[in-house]
Amino acid sequence: VESGRGVAALPRWLVEEVSERFQVAPV
């Protein structure tokens, strides 16, 4: 997802938790 090779669906809490390690964001 970070590299632009797709999108995913995950829980918001998980996305917020990993946002320091990966350049990803929830929508």
PDB file of all heavy atoms in Angstrom:
ATOM      1  N   VAL A   1       0.837  -1.196   0.000  1.00  0.00           N
ATOM      2  CA  VAL A   1       0.000   0.000   0.000  1.00  0.00           C
ATOM      3  C   VAL A   1       0.873   1.248   0.000  1.00  0.00           C
ATOM      4  O   VAL A   1       0.657   2.180  -0.786  1.00  0.00           O
ATOM      5  CB  VAL A   1      -0.972  -0.006   1.205  1.00  0.00           C
ATOM      6  CG1 VAL A   1      -1.656   1.345   1.370  1.00  0.00           C
ATOM      7  CG2 VAL A   1      -2.002  -1.122   1.051  1.00  0.00           C
ATOM      8  N   GLU A   2       1.875   1.261   0.845  1.00  0.00           N
ATOM      9  CA  GLU A   2       2.787   2.410   0.947  1.00  0.00           C
ATOM     10  C   GLU A   2       3.457   2.701  -0.390  1.00  0.00           C
ATOM     11  O   GLU A   2       3.621   3.857  -0.778  1.00  0.00           O
ATOM     12  CB  GLU A   2       3.835   2.123   2.022  1.00  0.00           C
ATOM     13  CG  GLU A   2       4.854   3.228   2.211  1.00  0.00           C
ATOM     14  CD  GLU A   2       5.879   2.853   3.268  1.00  0.00           C
ATOM     15  OE1 GLU A   2       6.461   1.752   3.181  1.00  0.00           O
ATOM     16  OE2 GLU A   2       6.079   3.667   4.190  1.00  0.00           O
ATOM     17  N   SER A   3       3.825   1.651  -1.117  1.00  0.00           N
ATOM     18  CA  SER A   3       4.536   1.830  -2.386  1.00  0.00           C
ATOM     19  C   SER A   3       3.607   2.070  -3.576  1.00  0.00           C
ATOM     20  O   SER A   3       4.062   2.141  -4.711  1.00  0.00           O
ATOM     21  CB  SER A   3       5.434   0.621  -2.663  1.00  0.00           C
ATOM     22  OG  SER A   3       4.644  -0.525  -2.917  1.00  0.00           O
ATOM     23  N   GLY A   4       2.300   2.166  -3.318  1.00  0.00           N
ATOM     24  CA  GLY A   4       1.359   2.472  -4.386  1.00  0.00           C
ATOM     25  C   GLY A   4       0.931   1.273  -5.216  1.00  0.00           C
ATOM     26  O   GLY A   4       0.408   1.435  -6.314  1.00  0.00           O
ATOM     27  N   ARG A   5       1.146   0.084  -4.685  1.00  0.00           N
ATOM     28  CA  ARG A   5       0.802  -1.126  -5.437  1.00  0.00           C
ATOM     29  C   ARG A   5      -0.583  -1.658  -5.102  1.00  0.00           C
ATOM     30  O   ARG A   5      -0.925  -2.772  -5.469  1.00  0.00           O
ATOM     31  CB  ARG A   5       1.870  -2.184  -5.200  1.00  0.00           C
ATOM     32  CG  ARG A   5       3.221  -1.698  -5.758  1.00  0.00           C
ATOM     33  CD  ARG A   5       4.354  -2.617  -5.477  1.00  0.00           C
ATOM     34  NE  ARG A   5       4.141  -3.925  -6.056  1.00  0.00           N
ATOM     35  CZ  ARG A   5       4.793  -5.013  -5.665  1.00  0.00           C
ATOM     36  NH1 ARG A   5       5.695  -4.933  -4.704  1.00  0.00           N
ATOM     37  NH2 ARG A   5       4.554  -6.167  -6.221  1.00  0.00           N
ATOM     38  N   GLY A   6      -1.386  -0.857  -4.413  1.00  0.00           N
ATOM     39  CA  GLY A   6      -2.751  -1.239  -4.082  1.00  0.00           C
ATOM     40  C   GLY A   6      -3.242  -0.515  -2.846  1.00  0.00           C
ATOM     41  O   GLY A   6      -2.535   0.319  -2.275  1.00  0.00           O
ATOM     42  N   VAL A   7      -4.470  -0.825  -2.468  1.00  0.00           N
ATOM     43  CA  VAL A   7      -5.085  -0.299  -1.256  1.00  0.00           C
ATOM     44  C   VAL A   7      -5.574  -1.497  -0.446  1.00  0.00           C
ATOM     45  O   VAL A   7      -5.694  -2.600  -0.972  1.00  0.00           O
ATOM     46  CB  VAL A   7      -6.255   0.666  -1.581  1.00  0.00           C
ATOM     47  CG1 VAL A   7      -5.748   1.891  -2.328  1.00  0.00           C
ATOM     48  CG2 VAL A   7      -7.354  -0.043  -2.371  1.00  0.00           C
ATOM     49  N   ALA A   8      -5.870  -1.281   0.816  1.00  0.00           N
ATOM     50  CA  ALA A   8      -6.312  -2.380   1.679  1.00  0.00           C
ATOM     51  C   ALA A   8      -7.414  -1.876   2.608  1.00  0.00           C
ATOM     52  O   ALA A   8      -7.660  -0.677   2.698  1.00  0.00           O
ATOM     53  CB  ALA A   8      -5.138  -2.907   2.498  1.00  0.00           C
ATOM     54  N   ALA A   9      -8.065  -2.801   3.287  1.00  0.00           N
ATOM     55  CA  ALA A   9      -9.071  -2.450   4.294  1.00  0.00           C
ATOM     56  C   ALA A   9      -8.661  -3.084   5.610  1.00  0.00           C
ATOM     57  O   ALA A   9      -8.460  -4.292   5.686  1.00  0.00           O
ATOM     58  CB  ALA A   9     -10.450  -2.939   3.870  1.00  0.00           C
ATOM     59  N   LEU A  10      -8.499  -2.242   6.611  1.00  0.00           N
ATOM     60  CA  LEU A  10      -8.062  -2.690   7.934  1.00  0.00           C
ATOM     61  C   LEU A  10      -8.765  -1.846   8.994  1.00  0.00           C
ATOM     62  O   LEU A  10      -9.325  -0.796   8.688  1.00  0.00           O
ATOM     63  CB  LEU A  10      -6.541  -2.525   8.075  1.00  0.00           C
ATOM     64  CG  LEU A  10      -5.665  -3.400   7.187  1.00  0.00           C
ATOM     65  CD1 LEU A  10      -4.213  -2.938   7.246  1.00  0.00           C
ATOM     66  CD2 LEU A  10      -5.777  -4.856   7.591  1.00  0.00           C
ATOM     67  N   PRO A  11      -8.694  -2.251  10.252  1.00  0.00           N
ATOM     68  CA  PRO A  11      -9.253  -1.420  11.319  1.00  0.00           C
ATOM     69  C   PRO A  11      -8.489  -0.094  11.461  1.00  0.00           C
ATOM     70  O   PRO A  11      -7.261  -0.053  11.331  1.00  0.00           O
ATOM     71  CB  PRO A  11      -9.050  -2.274  12.577  1.00  0.00           C
ATOM     72  CG  PRO A  11      -8.905  -3.674  12.082  1.00  0.00           C
ATOM     73  CD  PRO A  11      -8.237  -3.556  10.749  1.00  0.00           C
ATOM     74  N   ARG A  12      -9.244   0.971  11.709  1.00  0.00           N
ATOM     75  CA  ARG A  12      -8.631   2.299  11.874  1.00  0.00           C
ATOM     76  C   ARG A  12      -7.555   2.274  12.954  1.00  0.00           C
ATOM     77  O   ARG A  12      -6.497   2.860  12.801  1.00  0.00           O
ATOM     78  CB  ARG A  12      -9.690   3.353  12.198  1.00  0.00           C
ATOM     79  CG  ARG A  12      -9.096   4.763  12.349  1.00  0.00           C
ATOM     80  CD  ARG A  12     -10.148   5.809  12.623  1.00  0.00           C
ATOM     81  NE  ARG A  12     -11.005   6.075  11.498  1.00  0.00           N
ATOM     82  CZ  ARG A  12     -10.714   6.903  10.507  1.00  0.00           C
ATOM     83  NH1 ARG A  12      -9.573   7.555  10.487  1.00  0.00           N
ATOM     84  NH2 ARG A  12     -11.572   7.085   9.520  1.00  0.00           N
ATOM     85  N   TRP A  13      -7.815   1.611  14.085  1.00  0.00           N
ATOM     86  CA  TRP A  13      -6.837   1.594  15.181  1.00  0.00           C
ATOM     87  C   TRP A  13      -5.509   1.008  14.713  1.00  0.00           C
ATOM     88  O   TRP A  13      -4.455   1.477  15.117  1.00  0.00           O
ATOM     89  CB  TRP A  13      -7.370   0.857  16.407  1.00  0.00           C
ATOM     90  CG  TRP A  13      -7.653  -0.602  16.210  1.00  0.00           C
ATOM     91  CD1 TRP A  13      -8.856  -1.174  15.914  1.00  0.00           C
ATOM     92  CD2 TRP A  13      -6.714  -1.676  16.271  1.00  0.00           C
ATOM     93  NE1 TRP A  13      -8.724  -2.536  15.782  1.00  0.00           N
ATOM     94  CE2 TRP A  13      -7.420  -2.877  16.001  1.00  0.00           C
ATOM     95  CE3 TRP A  13      -5.344  -1.762  16.531  1.00  0.00           C
ATOM     96  CZ2 TRP A  13      -6.807  -4.127  15.982  1.00  0.00           C
ATOM     97  CZ3 TRP A  13      -4.736  -3.008  16.513  1.00  0.00           C
ATOM     98  CH2 TRP A  13      -5.454  -4.171  16.246  1.00  0.00           C
ATOM     99  N   LEU A  14      -5.547   0.001  13.851  1.00  0.00           N
ATOM    100  CA  LEU A  14      -4.313  -0.609  13.355  1.00  0.00           C
ATOM    101  C   LEU A  14      -3.566   0.357  12.442  1.00  0.00           C
ATOM    102  O   LEU A  14      -2.343   0.521  12.557  1.00  0.00           O
ATOM    103  CB  LEU A  14      -4.615  -1.913  12.619  1.00  0.00           C
ATOM    104  CG  LEU A  14      -3.413  -2.606  11.987  1.00  0.00           C
ATOM    105  CD1 LEU A  14      -2.404  -3.039  13.042  1.00  0.00           C
ATOM    106  CD2 LEU A  14      -3.869  -3.799  11.162  1.00  0.00           C
ATOM    107  N   VAL A  15      -4.289   1.026  11.568  1.00  0.00           N
ATOM    108  CA  VAL A  15      -3.657   1.984  10.647  1.00  0.00           C
ATOM    109  C   VAL A  15      -2.998   3.109  11.436  1.00  0.00           C
ATOM    110  O   VAL A  15      -1.868   3.509  11.143  1.00  0.00           O
ATOM    111  CB  VAL A  15      -4.686   2.545   9.644  1.00  0.00           C
ATOM    112  CG1 VAL A  15      -4.030   3.542   8.697  1.00  0.00           C
ATOM    113  CG2 VAL A  15      -5.343   1.412   8.859  1.00  0.00           C
ATOM    114  N   GLU A  16      -3.685   3.606  12.444  1.00  0.00           N
ATOM    115  CA  GLU A  16      -3.112   4.677  13.264  1.00  0.00           C
ATOM    116  C   GLU A  16      -1.887   4.187  14.029  1.00  0.00           C
ATOM    117  O   GLU A  16      -0.914   4.916  14.185  1.00  0.00           O
ATOM    118  CB  GLU A  16      -4.177   5.240  14.196  1.00  0.00           C
ATOM    119  CG  GLU A  16      -5.238   6.017  13.427  1.00  0.00           C
ATOM    120  CD  GLU A  16      -6.443   6.420  14.257  1.00  0.00           C
ATOM    121  OE1 GLU A  16      -6.572   5.969  15.425  1.00  0.00           O
ATOM    122  OE2 GLU A  16      -7.273   7.171  13.719  1.00  0.00           O
ATOM    123  N   GLU A  17      -1.934   2.934  14.470  1.00  0.00           N
ATOM    124  CA  GLU A  17      -0.813   2.358  15.216  1.00  0.00           C
ATOM    125  C   GLU A  17       0.442   2.209  14.352  1.00  0.00           C
ATOM    126  O   GLU A  17       1.554   2.386  14.837  1.00  0.00           O
ATOM    127  CB  GLU A  17      -1.234   0.996  15.765  1.00  0.00           C
ATOM    128  CG  GLU A  17      -0.240   0.346  16.677  1.00  0.00           C
ATOM    129  CD  GLU A  17      -0.794  -0.957  17.234  1.00  0.00           C
ATOM    130  OE1 GLU A  17      -1.692  -0.890  18.092  1.00  0.00           O
ATOM    131  OE2 GLU A  17      -0.329  -2.024  16.811  1.00  0.00           O
ATOM    132  N   VAL A  18       0.291   1.901  13.075  1.00  0.00           N
ATOM    133  CA  VAL A  18       1.451   1.656  12.201  1.00  0.00           C
ATOM    134  C   VAL A  18       1.854   2.882  11.382  1.00  0.00           C
ATOM    135  O   VAL A  18       2.812   2.824  10.618  1.00  0.00           O
ATOM    136  CB  VAL A  18       1.205   0.463  11.240  1.00  0.00           C
ATOM    137  CG1 VAL A  18       0.937  -0.798  12.023  1.00  0.00           C
ATOM    138  CG2 VAL A  18       0.109   0.764  10.240  1.00  0.00           C
ATOM    139  N   SER A  19       1.150   3.986  11.554  1.00  0.00           N
ATOM    140  CA  SER A  19       1.406   5.163  10.716  1.00  0.00           C
ATOM    141  C   SER A  19       2.798   5.779  10.912  1.00  0.00           C
ATOM    142  O   SER A  19       3.262   6.534  10.069  1.00  0.00           O
ATOM    143  CB  SER A  19       0.328   6.227  10.914  1.00  0.00           C
ATOM    144  OG  SER A  19       0.367   6.715  12.231  1.00  0.00           O
ATOM    145  N   GLU A  20       3.469   5.431  12.012  1.00  0.00           N
ATOM    146  CA  GLU A  20       4.847   5.906  12.190  1.00  0.00           C
ATOM    147  C   GLU A  20       5.840   5.048  11.416  1.00  0.00           C
ATOM    148  O   GLU A  20       6.890   5.522  11.016  1.00  0.00           O
ATOM    149  CB  GLU A  20       5.205   5.930  13.679  1.00  0.00           C
ATOM    150  CG  GLU A  20       4.463   7.011  14.437  1.00  0.00           C
ATOM    151  CD  GLU A  20       4.896   7.084  15.890  1.00  0.00           C
ATOM    152  OE1 GLU A  20       5.978   6.576  16.244  1.00  0.00           O
ATOM    153  OE2 GLU A  20       4.125   7.669  16.675  1.00  0.00           O
ATOM    154  N   ARG A  21       5.496   3.775  11.193  1.00  0.00           N
ATOM    155  CA  ARG A  21       6.386   2.850  10.468  1.00  0.00           C
ATOM    156  C   ARG A  21       6.140   2.854   8.964  1.00  0.00           C
ATOM    157  O   ARG A  21       7.040   2.556   8.194  1.00  0.00           O
ATOM    158  CB  ARG A  21       6.192   1.430  10.992  1.00  0.00           C
ATOM    159  CG  ARG A  21       6.722   1.240  12.378  1.00  0.00           C
ATOM    160  CD  ARG A  21       6.584  -0.172  12.924  1.00  0.00           C
ATOM    161  NE  ARG A  21       6.569  -1.234  11.952  1.00  0.00           N
ATOM    162  CZ  ARG A  21       5.712  -2.249  11.971  1.00  0.00           C
ATOM    163  NH1 ARG A  21       4.782  -2.320  12.899  1.00  0.00           N
ATOM    164  NH2 ARG A  21       5.778  -3.197  11.070  1.00  0.00           N
ATOM    165  N   PHE A  22       4.904   3.127   8.568  1.00  0.00           N
ATOM    166  CA  PHE A  22       4.533   3.096   7.152  1.00  0.00           C
ATOM    167  C   PHE A  22       3.879   4.415   6.773  1.00  0.00           C
ATOM    168  O   PHE A  22       3.131   4.985   7.558  1.00  0.00           O
ATOM    169  CB  PHE A  22       3.540   1.952   6.875  1.00  0.00           C
ATOM    170  CG  PHE A  22       4.087   0.593   7.171  1.00  0.00           C
ATOM    171  CD1 PHE A  22       3.809  -0.035   8.378  1.00  0.00           C
ATOM    172  CD2 PHE A  22       4.864  -0.085   6.243  1.00  0.00           C
ATOM    173  CE1 PHE A  22       4.299  -1.297   8.664  1.00  0.00           C
ATOM    174  CE2 PHE A  22       5.361  -1.350   6.514  1.00  0.00           C
ATOM    175  CZ  PHE A  22       5.079  -1.961   7.727  1.00  0.00           C
ATOM    176  N   GLN A  23       4.135   4.868   5.568  1.00  0.00           N
ATOM    177  CA  GLN A  23       3.528   6.099   5.075  1.00  0.00           C
ATOM    178  C   GLN A  23       2.150   5.775   4.488  1.00  0.00           C
ATOM    179  O   GLN A  23       1.943   5.782   3.272  1.00  0.00           O
ATOM    180  CB  GLN A  23       4.438   6.757   4.025  1.00  0.00           C
ATOM    181  CG  GLN A  23       5.764   7.249   4.574  1.00  0.00           C
ATOM    182  CD  GLN A  23       5.536   8.327   5.616  1.00  0.00           C
ATOM    183  OE1 GLN A  23       4.910   9.351   5.345  1.00  0.00           O
ATOM    184  NE2 GLN A  23       6.033   8.105   6.827  1.00  0.00           N
ATOM    185  N   VAL A  24       1.215   5.463   5.379  1.00  0.00           N
ATOM    186  CA  VAL A  24      -0.148   5.118   4.994  1.00  0.00           C
ATOM    187  C   VAL A  24      -1.127   5.918   5.841  1.00  0.00           C
ATOM    188  O   VAL A  24      -0.764   6.434   6.896  1.00  0.00           O
ATOM    189  CB  VAL A  24      -0.427   3.603   5.157  1.00  0.00           C
ATOM    190  CG1 VAL A  24       0.468   2.786   4.234  1.00  0.00           C
ATOM    191  CG2 VAL A  24      -0.264   3.157   6.600  1.00  0.00           C
ATOM    192  N   ALA A  25      -2.361   5.986   5.354  1.00  0.00           N
ATOM    193  CA  ALA A  25      -3.382   6.743   6.070  1.00  0.00           C
ATOM    194  C   ALA A  25      -4.747   6.087   5.879  1.00  0.00           C
ATOM    195  O   ALA A  25      -4.985   5.442   4.859  1.00  0.00           O
ATOM    196  CB  ALA A  25      -3.420   8.178   5.556  1.00  0.00           C
ATOM    197  N   PRO A  26      -5.646   6.283   6.846  1.00  0.00           N
ATOM    198  CA  PRO A  26      -6.999   5.738   6.723  1.00  0.00           C
ATOM    199  C   PRO A  26      -7.921   6.692   5.970  1.00  0.00           C
ATOM    200  O   PRO A  26      -7.771   7.915   6.048  1.00  0.00           O
ATOM    201  CB  PRO A  26      -7.447   5.610   8.176  1.00  0.00           C
ATOM    202  CG  PRO A  26      -6.728   6.712   8.882  1.00  0.00           C
ATOM    203  CD  PRO A  26      -5.398   6.852   8.165  1.00  0.00           C
ATOM    204  N   VAL A  27      -8.867   6.122   5.242  1.00  0.00           N
ATOM    205  CA  VAL A  27      -9.944   6.875   4.602  1.00  0.00           C
ATOM    206  C   VAL A  27     -11.236   6.122   4.905  1.00  0.00           C
ATOM    207  O   VAL A  27     -11.299   4.899   4.729  1.00  0.00           O
ATOM    208  CB  VAL A  27      -9.745   6.988   3.069  1.00  0.00           C
ATOM    209  CG1 VAL A  27     -10.884   7.774   2.440  1.00  0.00           C
ATOM    210  CG2 VAL A  27      -8.398   7.619   2.730  1.00  0.00           C
TER     211      VAL A  27
END
